Amino acid sequence: MNPSVQHLCEFLDASPSVYHAVAFLENMLSSAGYNRLHLGERWSLAPGGKYYLTRGGSAVLAFRIPEGDCRGFAISASHSDRPCFKLKENPELPGTYTRLAVERYGGMLMAPWLDRPLSLAGRVLVETEKGLESSLVNIDRDLLLIPNVAIHMNRQANDGYKWNPAVDLLPLLGGKDAAGKLMGLLEQAAGGKILGSDLYLYVREKARVWGMEEEFLSAPALDDLECAWGCTRGFLASEDSDVIPVLAVFDSEEVGSNSVQGAASTLLADTLERICAALDLAKGELLSRSFLVSADNAHAVHPNHPEYADPGNAPVLNGGPVLKFNAAQRYTTDGFSAAVFRRVCGKAGVKVQTYCNRADIAGGSTLGHISLTQVSIPTADIGLPQLAMHSCYETAGVRDALALEEAMTAFYGIPASELAID
């Protein structure tokens, strides 16, 4: 297997929750010599310096300072979260069986979650002598399952059955004797008394490369960990120019980005402001020569339902990264930002595809137009083509992930003169 693809699979397998994904990215950055900054401390930045910061354990930003003049910012934004089930407070539902109370996080395909081995992962806040301590938790075994109802009892199961998440989608933890044992299991994993938690169900299936020519990749959370990985790899591999490269991986995109670690927060704007203040740079001048790539996966034409795609803008798996367009600005790409990204991909030798919603089918959105409310610079919405978006197990093309890595390597090394137009 290609080493880059192997690394992507390792990242996906190591990321059962948003917190684990960001911890993996943090390790990539620190292993590459990036020093952690803290939001509550004064920053001392220097030419040649490499830095990163986190917020809430689920968002990470990184940047480095060129040795020479700084004339703009080259920024990418992706997201770390995925549609899933979140564990409720006081979750145990005892009875003949012990079930757990959960609620939906994001717009999800519900049916694929049934009859699969599941478990719990996320973060917990543990009480210590020094105060609260955040700890990652992953119950790394087959712990839960959401059982289907037999066809004999639900004759409508194959006729467009409507799932009720409060009834049909409650995970089974154990028999009657399992009641009251979940917190003990979690506290054993956390190593202390838990005072708060953000825990999510995840699918136990690992990332798989498959197909006649091993051209496909299936895994949980390809939307959007595949782009988060590609942007991070390109960021780390790129050469310096006269722009400050900035990597942003936000949380909360699947629920509107309205959190302190989402794209609607001031996290990116505050970071750019502090960089300029520390280096005595004029923020307005730099932003006039800056560019944002909003990287969030795109819909590939479906092999069994090509009619759902716009005929002239139907990307295929392994056809290259996708520029996403929408006249209502749900995607922010315009003529200029499309030209910049196509030029970048041309330099990298990467093919570019396009996506538009079919005119009579409402599409989704991403974090690009939300981030513009905080940092107003030209933005291209891109993504990698995939199938079964918002399923708990999605499919994409192996070559597309490698193409994004190459494209973002070129993007992060672009000179400021190519990021603006009079």
Protein backbone atom coordinates (compact mmCIF):
# COMPACT_ATOMS: atom_id res chain seq x y z
CA MET A 1 0.00 0.00 0.00
CA ASN A 2 1.16 3.53 -0.77
CA PRO A 3 2.75 4.97 2.42
CA SER A 4 0.55 8.07 2.28
CA VAL A 5 -2.59 5.97 1.96
CA GLN A 6 -1.40 3.80 4.84
CA HIS A 7 -0.92 6.92 6.95
CA LEU A 8 -4.41 8.16 6.04
CA CYS A 9 -5.89 4.82 7.12
CA GLU A 10 -3.96 4.99 10.40
CA PHE A 11 -5.34 8.48 11.01
CA LEU A 12 -8.92 7.38 10.31
CA ASP A 13 -8.59 4.32 12.54
CA ALA A 14 -7.09 6.41 15.35
CA SER A 15 -9.95 8.95 15.23
CA PRO A 16 -13.09 7.43 16.78
CA SER A 17 -14.08 10.91 17.97
CA VAL A 18 -13.38 14.52 17.09
CA TYR A 19 -11.04 14.75 20.08
CA HIS A 20 -8.97 11.78 18.98
CA ALA A 21 -8.71 13.20 15.46
CA VAL A 22 -7.35 16.51 16.72
CA ALA A 23 -4.94 14.71 19.07
CA PHE A 24 -3.56 12.83 16.05
CA LEU A 25 -3.13 16.06 14.09
CA GLU A 26 -1.45 17.68 17.10
CA ASN A 27 1.04 14.82 17.16
CA MET A 28 1.75 15.29 13.44
CA LEU A 29 2.48 18.97 14.04
CA SER A 30 4.62 18.52 17.14
CA SER A 31 6.59 15.71 15.46
CA ALA A 32 7.35 18.16 12.62
CA GLY A 33 8.78 20.71 15.07
CA TYR A 34 5.74 22.91 15.66
CA ASN A 35 5.59 24.48 19.12
CA ARG A 36 2.33 24.75 21.01
CA LEU A 37 0.95 28.17 21.87
CA HIS A 38 -1.67 28.80 24.54
CA LEU A 39 -4.54 31.19 24.04
CA GLY A 40 -4.21 32.61 27.55
CA GLU A 41 -0.52 33.50 27.26
CA ARG A 42 1.41 36.23 25.44
CA TRP A 43 2.85 35.05 22.13
CA SER A 44 6.46 35.61 21.15
CA LEU A 45 6.80 34.80 17.45
CA ALA A 46 9.95 34.84 15.34
CA PRO A 47 10.86 34.45 11.65
CA GLY A 48 11.28 30.77 10.89
CA GLY A 49 9.07 29.82 13.83
CA LYS A 50 6.52 27.00 13.67
CA TYR A 51 3.46 27.13 15.92
CA TYR A 52 0.09 25.55 16.65
CA LEU A 53 -2.77 26.02 19.10
CA THR A 54 -5.96 24.21 20.02
CA ARG A 55 -9.34 25.11 21.42
CA GLY A 56 -11.66 22.78 23.26
CA GLY A 57 -9.58 19.76 22.29
CA SER A 58 -11.54 19.56 19.01
CA ALA A 59 -10.12 22.39 16.87
CA VAL A 60 -6.52 23.02 15.89
CA LEU A 61 -4.78 25.89 14.07
CA ALA A 62 -1.17 25.90 12.92
CA PHE A 63 1.04 28.42 11.15
CA ARG A 64 4.66 29.21 10.47
CA ILE A 65 6.50 32.48 9.92
CA PRO A 66 8.67 32.87 6.79
CA GLU A 67 12.26 34.01 7.19
CA GLY A 68 11.70 36.90 4.78
CA ASP A 69 8.89 39.37 4.19
CA CYS A 70 5.32 38.40 5.07
CA ARG A 71 2.88 39.74 2.49
CA GLY A 72 -0.26 37.62 2.91
CA PHE A 73 -1.92 34.53 4.37
CA ALA A 74 -2.55 31.19 2.63
CA ILE A 75 -5.23 29.47 4.72
CA SER A 76 -7.07 26.17 4.56
CA ALA A 77 -10.12 25.29 6.63
CA SER A 78 -11.57 21.82 7.13
CA HIS A 79 -13.50 20.22 9.98
CA SER A 80 -12.96 17.46 12.49
CA ASP A 81 -16.53 16.43 13.37
CA ARG A 82 -18.86 13.93 11.71
CA PRO A 83 -22.58 13.07 11.97
CA CYS A 84 -23.07 10.51 14.72
CA PHE A 85 -24.92 9.78 17.95
CA LYS A 86 -24.00 11.67 21.13
CA LEU A 87 -24.48 10.05 24.51
CA LYS A 88 -27.01 11.89 26.67
CA GLU A 89 -26.55 12.79 30.31
CA ASN A 90 -27.82 10.00 32.60
CA PRO A 91 -27.89 7.70 29.59
CA GLU A 92 -28.72 4.27 31.01
CA LEU A 93 -32.23 2.96 30.30
CA PRO A 94 -32.67 -0.13 32.49
CA GLY A 95 -35.30 -2.77 31.94
CA THR A 96 -35.40 -6.25 30.44
CA TYR A 97 -32.31 -5.03 28.58
CA THR A 98 -29.98 -2.12 29.37
CA ARG A 99 -30.02 0.46 26.62
CA LEU A 100 -28.47 3.92 26.26
CA ALA A 101 -30.17 7.23 25.53
CA VAL A 102 -28.53 9.07 22.62
CA GLU A 103 -29.33 12.01 20.36
CA ARG A 104 -28.39 12.75 16.79
CA TYR A 105 -25.43 15.01 16.07
CA GLY A 106 -25.66 16.46 12.57
CA GLY A 107 -27.66 15.37 9.53
CA MET A 108 -27.07 11.65 9.38
CA LEU A 109 -28.10 8.61 7.39
CA MET A 110 -29.60 6.55 10.20
CA ALA A 111 -30.16 3.10 8.70
CA PRO A 112 -26.45 2.21 8.24
CA TRP A 113 -25.93 2.42 12.03
CA LEU A 114 -28.07 -0.65 12.70
CA ASP A 115 -26.67 -4.15 13.23
CA ARG A 116 -23.05 -2.99 13.43
CA PRO A 117 -20.63 -3.36 16.36
CA LEU A 118 -20.29 0.05 18.03
CA SER A 119 -18.51 1.61 20.95
CA LEU A 120 -18.01 4.92 22.77
CA ALA A 121 -15.23 7.50 22.47
CA GLY A 122 -14.66 11.15 23.26
CA ARG A 123 -13.39 13.22 26.14
CA VAL A 124 -14.18 13.27 29.85
CA LEU A 125 -13.40 15.84 32.53
CA VAL A 126 -11.87 14.14 35.53
CA GLU A 127 -11.59 15.56 39.03
CA THR A 128 -8.01 15.67 40.35
CA GLU A 129 -6.26 17.31 43.29
CA LYS A 130 -5.20 20.13 40.95
CA GLY A 131 -8.68 20.64 39.51
CA LEU A 132 -10.33 19.40 36.32
CA GLU A 133 -8.29 17.40 33.82
CA SER A 134 -9.41 16.56 30.30
CA SER A 135 -8.82 12.98 29.25
CA LEU A 136 -9.46 11.06 26.03
CA VAL A 137 -11.54 7.92 26.38
CA ASN A 138 -12.04 5.12 23.87
CA ILE A 139 -13.72 1.91 24.98
CA ASP A 140 -11.74 -0.11 22.47
CA ARG A 141 -13.98 -3.15 22.21
CA ASP A 142 -17.32 -4.14 20.72
CA LEU A 143 -19.58 -2.62 23.38
CA LEU A 144 -22.88 -1.68 21.73
CA LEU A 145 -25.22 -2.52 18.88
CA ILE A 146 -28.47 -1.05 17.57
CA PRO A 147 -30.57 -4.10 16.60
CA ASN A 148 -32.98 -4.05 13.70
CA VAL A 149 -36.54 -5.34 13.97
CA ALA A 150 -37.11 -8.56 12.04
CA ILE A 151 -38.89 -8.25 8.71
CA HIS A 152 -41.69 -10.46 10.13
CA MET A 153 -42.55 -7.73 12.65
CA ASN A 154 -41.89 -4.73 10.43
CA ARG A 155 -43.20 -5.51 6.95
CA GLN A 156 -42.55 -1.89 5.89
CA ALA A 157 -38.81 -2.12 6.54
CA ASN A 158 -38.01 -2.27 2.81
CA ASP A 159 -40.68 0.23 1.78
CA GLY A 160 -39.22 3.51 2.97
CA TYR A 161 -39.48 2.99 6.71
CA LYS A 162 -39.13 6.18 8.77
CA TRP A 163 -36.77 5.71 11.71
CA ASN A 164 -37.72 7.22 15.06
CA PRO A 165 -34.42 8.03 16.82
CA ALA A 166 -36.11 8.01 20.23
CA VAL A 167 -37.35 4.44 19.70
CA ASP A 168 -35.61 2.61 16.86
CA LEU A 169 -32.05 3.81 17.36
CA LEU A 170 -31.29 3.26 21.03
CA PRO A 171 -28.09 1.18 21.37
CA LEU A 172 -28.14 -2.04 23.37
CA LEU A 173 -25.48 -2.15 26.12
CA GLY A 174 -26.32 -5.45 27.79
CA GLY A 175 -28.87 -7.45 29.69
CA LYS A 176 -30.68 -6.47 32.85
CA ASP A 177 -27.57 -7.00 34.97
CA ALA A 178 -25.62 -4.39 32.96
CA ALA A 179 -27.62 -1.56 34.55
CA GLY A 180 -25.52 0.85 36.59
CA LYS A 181 -22.17 -0.33 35.25
CA LEU A 182 -21.43 2.14 32.43
CA MET A 183 -20.05 4.95 34.59
CA GLY A 184 -17.70 2.53 36.34
CA LEU A 185 -16.40 1.36 32.97
CA LEU A 186 -15.83 4.94 31.83
CA GLU A 187 -14.16 6.03 35.07
CA GLN A 188 -11.86 3.02 34.92
CA ALA A 189 -10.83 4.05 31.41
CA ALA A 190 -10.43 7.70 32.46
CA GLY A 191 -8.56 6.96 35.68
CA GLY A 192 -10.70 9.10 37.97
CA LYS A 193 -14.09 10.52 38.89
CA ILE A 194 -15.86 11.97 35.87
CA LEU A 195 -17.59 15.33 36.33
CA GLY A 196 -18.40 15.98 32.67
CA SER A 197 -18.18 14.25 29.32
CA ASP A 198 -18.65 14.53 25.56
CA LEU A 199 -18.99 10.96 24.36
CA TYR A 200 -20.09 9.68 20.96
CA LEU A 201 -20.96 6.36 19.38
CA TYR A 202 -18.61 5.18 16.67
CA VAL A 203 -18.50 2.29 14.22
CA ARG A 204 -15.89 -0.35 14.94
CA GLU A 205 -15.18 -1.08 11.26
CA LYS A 206 -11.67 -0.07 10.20
CA ALA A 207 -10.63 1.84 7.10
CA ARG A 208 -10.47 -0.43 4.05
CA VAL A 209 -8.83 -0.07 0.64
CA TRP A 210 -10.71 -2.16 -1.89
CA GLY A 211 -11.80 -2.54 -5.53
CA MET A 212 -10.44 -4.39 -8.53
CA GLU A 213 -7.39 -2.11 -8.59
CA GLU A 214 -7.57 -1.16 -4.89
CA GLU A 215 -8.81 2.23 -6.03
CA PHE A 216 -11.46 2.85 -3.35
CA LEU A 217 -11.23 3.76 0.33
CA SER A 218 -14.07 3.19 2.79
CA ALA A 219 -14.05 4.36 6.41
CA PRO A 220 -16.01 6.31 8.98
CA ALA A 221 -15.72 10.11 8.88
CA LEU A 222 -14.18 10.57 5.43
CA ASP A 223 -16.30 13.72 5.54
CA ASP A 224 -14.21 15.55 6.57
CA LEU A 225 -11.17 13.84 8.06
CA GLU A 226 -9.94 13.05 4.54
CA CYS A 227 -9.63 16.78 3.80
CA ALA A 228 -8.23 17.54 7.26
CA TRP A 229 -5.51 14.96 6.58
CA GLY A 230 -4.76 16.20 3.04
CA CYS A 231 -4.54 19.83 4.14
CA THR A 232 -2.27 18.96 7.07
CA ARG A 233 0.04 16.87 4.92
CA GLY A 234 0.26 19.63 2.31
CA PHE A 235 0.86 22.23 5.01
CA LEU A 236 3.76 20.23 6.46
CA ALA A 237 5.31 19.42 3.08
CA SER A 238 5.14 22.91 1.56
CA GLU A 239 8.02 25.26 0.98
CA ASP A 240 8.12 28.80 2.34
CA SER A 241 7.19 31.82 0.22
CA ASP A 242 6.20 35.35 1.20
CA VAL A 243 2.88 34.23 2.69
CA ILE A 244 2.16 32.94 6.18
CA PRO A 245 0.67 29.46 5.75
CA VAL A 246 -2.22 28.75 8.14
CA LEU A 247 -3.90 25.39 8.74
CA ALA A 248 -7.33 25.49 10.41
CA VAL A 249 -9.32 22.42 11.42
CA PHE A 250 -12.58 23.50 13.05
CA ASP A 251 -15.22 21.60 15.01
CA SER A 252 -19.04 21.84 14.85
CA GLU A 253 -19.44 22.15 11.06
CA GLU A 254 -22.09 19.45 11.01
CA VAL A 255 -24.31 21.48 13.39
CA GLY A 256 -23.79 24.94 11.90
CA SER A 257 -20.29 25.90 13.17
CA ASN A 258 -21.76 27.96 16.04
CA SER A 259 -19.40 27.01 18.84
CA VAL A 260 -16.26 28.49 20.37
CA GLN A 261 -14.24 26.03 18.26
CA GLY A 262 -16.30 26.37 15.07
CA ALA A 263 -15.78 28.42 11.92
CA ALA A 264 -18.38 30.95 13.13
CA SER A 265 -16.21 31.75 16.15
CA THR A 266 -13.50 34.42 16.20
CA LEU A 267 -10.75 31.79 16.58
CA LEU A 268 -9.23 32.27 13.12
CA ALA A 269 -9.66 36.06 13.11
CA ASP A 270 -8.16 36.36 16.58
CA THR A 271 -5.20 34.18 15.58
CA LEU A 272 -4.45 36.26 12.50
CA GLU A 273 -4.74 39.43 14.59
CA ARG A 274 -2.29 38.11 17.18
CA ILE A 275 0.18 37.01 14.49
CA CYS A 276 0.17 40.50 13.00
CA ALA A 277 0.48 42.17 16.39
CA ALA A 278 3.41 39.97 17.41
CA LEU A 279 5.25 40.66 14.14
CA ASP A 280 4.24 44.33 13.80
CA LEU A 281 2.43 43.67 10.54
CA ALA A 282 -0.58 45.53 9.12
CA LYS A 283 -3.41 42.99 9.16
CA GLY A 284 -5.47 44.80 6.53
CA GLU A 285 -2.60 44.81 4.05
CA LEU A 286 -1.94 41.12 4.56
CA LEU A 287 -5.59 40.18 4.20
CA SER A 288 -5.73 42.02 0.87
CA ARG A 289 -3.27 39.43 -0.45
CA SER A 290 -4.73 36.37 1.27
CA PHE A 291 -6.78 33.37 0.21
CA LEU A 292 -8.78 30.61 1.89
CA VAL A 293 -9.36 27.07 0.67
CA SER A 294 -12.45 25.68 2.40
CA ALA A 295 -11.94 21.92 2.10
CA ASP A 296 -14.98 19.72 2.75
CA ASN A 297 -15.89 16.64 0.77
CA ALA A 298 -18.18 16.70 -2.27
CA HIS A 299 -20.82 14.38 -3.72
CA ALA A 300 -19.56 12.04 -6.42
CA VAL A 301 -22.02 10.90 -9.07
CA HIS A 302 -23.68 7.78 -7.68
CA PRO A 303 -23.17 4.57 -9.71
CA ASN A 304 -26.81 3.51 -9.23
CA HIS A 305 -28.42 6.95 -9.30
CA PRO A 306 -26.67 9.22 -11.82
CA GLU A 307 -29.94 11.14 -12.20
CA TYR A 308 -29.29 12.97 -8.91
CA ALA A 309 -26.23 14.73 -10.36
CA ASP A 310 -26.07 17.88 -12.47
CA PRO A 311 -25.11 16.47 -15.90
CA GLY A 312 -22.25 18.88 -16.56
CA ASN A 313 -20.88 18.97 -13.02
CA ALA A 314 -20.86 15.38 -11.80
CA PRO A 315 -17.49 14.48 -10.25
CA VAL A 316 -16.33 10.88 -10.13
CA LEU A 317 -14.18 9.00 -7.66
CA ASN A 318 -10.46 9.28 -8.50
CA GLY A 319 -11.09 12.15 -10.90
CA GLY A 320 -9.37 14.73 -8.70
CA PRO A 321 -10.37 17.41 -6.18
CA VAL A 322 -13.68 19.18 -6.77
CA LEU A 323 -14.45 22.90 -7.01
CA LYS A 324 -17.94 23.47 -5.59
CA PHE A 325 -20.24 26.19 -6.94
CA ASN A 326 -23.57 27.59 -5.76
CA ALA A 327 -25.25 30.80 -6.91
CA ALA A 328 -26.77 31.36 -3.45
CA GLN A 329 -23.28 31.31 -1.90
CA ARG A 330 -23.78 28.11 0.05
CA TYR A 331 -20.43 27.46 -1.59
CA THR A 332 -18.24 30.53 -1.91
CA THR A 333 -16.33 29.73 -5.10
CA ASP A 334 -16.46 32.48 -7.73
CA GLY A 335 -14.59 33.02 -10.98
CA PHE A 336 -11.49 34.43 -9.31
CA SER A 337 -11.18 31.87 -6.54
CA ALA A 338 -11.81 29.05 -9.03
CA ALA A 339 -9.04 30.41 -11.26
CA VAL A 340 -6.59 30.58 -8.36
CA PHE A 341 -7.29 27.01 -7.27
CA ARG A 342 -7.12 25.70 -10.85
CA ARG A 343 -3.77 27.45 -11.28
CA VAL A 344 -2.49 25.87 -8.07
CA CYS A 345 -3.62 22.42 -9.20
CA GLY A 346 -2.06 22.98 -12.61
CA LYS A 347 1.29 23.63 -10.98
CA ALA A 348 0.88 20.45 -8.95
CA GLY A 349 -0.18 18.38 -11.96
CA VAL A 350 -3.55 17.65 -10.35
CA LYS A 351 -6.82 17.39 -12.28
CA VAL A 352 -9.79 19.47 -11.05
CA GLN A 353 -13.48 18.56 -11.24
CA THR A 354 -16.56 20.70 -10.61
CA TYR A 355 -19.76 20.22 -8.64
CA CYS A 356 -23.10 22.03 -8.70
CA ASN A 357 -26.37 20.86 -7.22
CA ARG A 358 -29.00 19.79 -9.72
CA ALA A 359 -31.24 22.86 -9.94
CA ASP A 360 -34.28 21.11 -8.43
CA ILE A 361 -32.40 19.40 -5.57
CA ALA A 362 -31.40 21.42 -2.52
CA GLY A 363 -27.81 20.81 -1.51
CA GLY A 364 -25.84 21.18 1.67
CA SER A 365 -23.31 23.79 2.66
CA THR A 366 -19.97 23.94 4.39
CA LEU A 367 -17.85 26.23 6.54
CA GLY A 368 -16.52 28.49 3.77
CA HIS A 369 -19.37 31.00 3.74
CA ILE A 370 -19.47 30.95 7.55
CA SER A 371 -15.76 31.68 7.95
CA LEU A 372 -16.18 34.66 5.61
CA THR A 373 -18.23 36.40 8.29
CA GLN A 374 -15.08 36.47 10.43
CA VAL A 375 -12.26 36.68 7.86
CA SER A 376 -13.38 38.23 4.57
CA ILE A 377 -10.94 37.06 1.91
CA PRO A 378 -11.36 35.28 -1.46
CA THR A 379 -12.41 31.68 -0.83
CA ALA A 380 -12.65 28.53 -2.92
CA ASP A 381 -14.90 25.75 -1.65
CA ILE A 382 -13.39 22.43 -2.61
CA GLY A 383 -13.71 18.81 -1.58
CA LEU A 384 -12.90 15.25 -2.49
CA PRO A 385 -15.62 13.25 -4.28
CA GLN A 386 -17.26 10.59 -2.16
CA LEU A 387 -20.27 8.30 -1.95
CA ALA A 388 -22.71 7.84 0.95
CA MET A 389 -21.95 11.19 2.56
CA HIS A 390 -23.14 11.30 6.19
CA SER A 391 -23.31 7.54 6.44
CA CYS A 392 -21.39 6.00 9.32
CA TYR A 393 -19.21 4.30 6.68
CA GLU A 394 -18.38 6.31 3.56
CA THR A 395 -16.48 5.69 0.33
CA ALA A 396 -13.97 7.79 -1.61
CA GLY A 397 -11.19 7.36 -4.17
CA VAL A 398 -7.65 6.58 -3.08
CA ARG A 399 -6.02 8.73 -5.76
CA ASP A 400 -8.08 11.77 -4.80
CA ALA A 401 -6.63 11.86 -1.29
CA LEU A 402 -3.11 11.83 -2.75
CA ALA A 403 -4.07 14.55 -5.24
CA LEU A 404 -5.30 16.82 -2.44
CA GLU A 405 -2.02 16.37 -0.59
CA GLU A 406 -0.14 17.47 -3.72
CA ALA A 407 -2.50 20.37 -4.44
CA MET A 408 -2.28 21.73 -0.89
CA THR A 409 1.50 21.42 -0.92
CA ALA A 410 1.49 23.70 -3.96
CA PHE A 411 -1.10 26.04 -2.45
CA TYR A 412 0.83 26.63 0.74
CA GLY A 413 3.93 27.58 -1.24
CA ILE A 414 2.19 30.08 -3.52
CA PRO A 415 3.52 33.69 -3.57
CA ALA A 416 1.24 36.48 -2.32
CA SER A 417 1.22 38.10 -5.76
CA GLU A 418 -0.93 35.21 -7.05
CA LEU A 419 -3.55 35.53 -4.31
CA ALA A 420 -4.94 38.93 -5.25
CA ILE A 421 -6.25 40.71 -8.32
CA ASP A 422 -6.75 44.46 -8.86
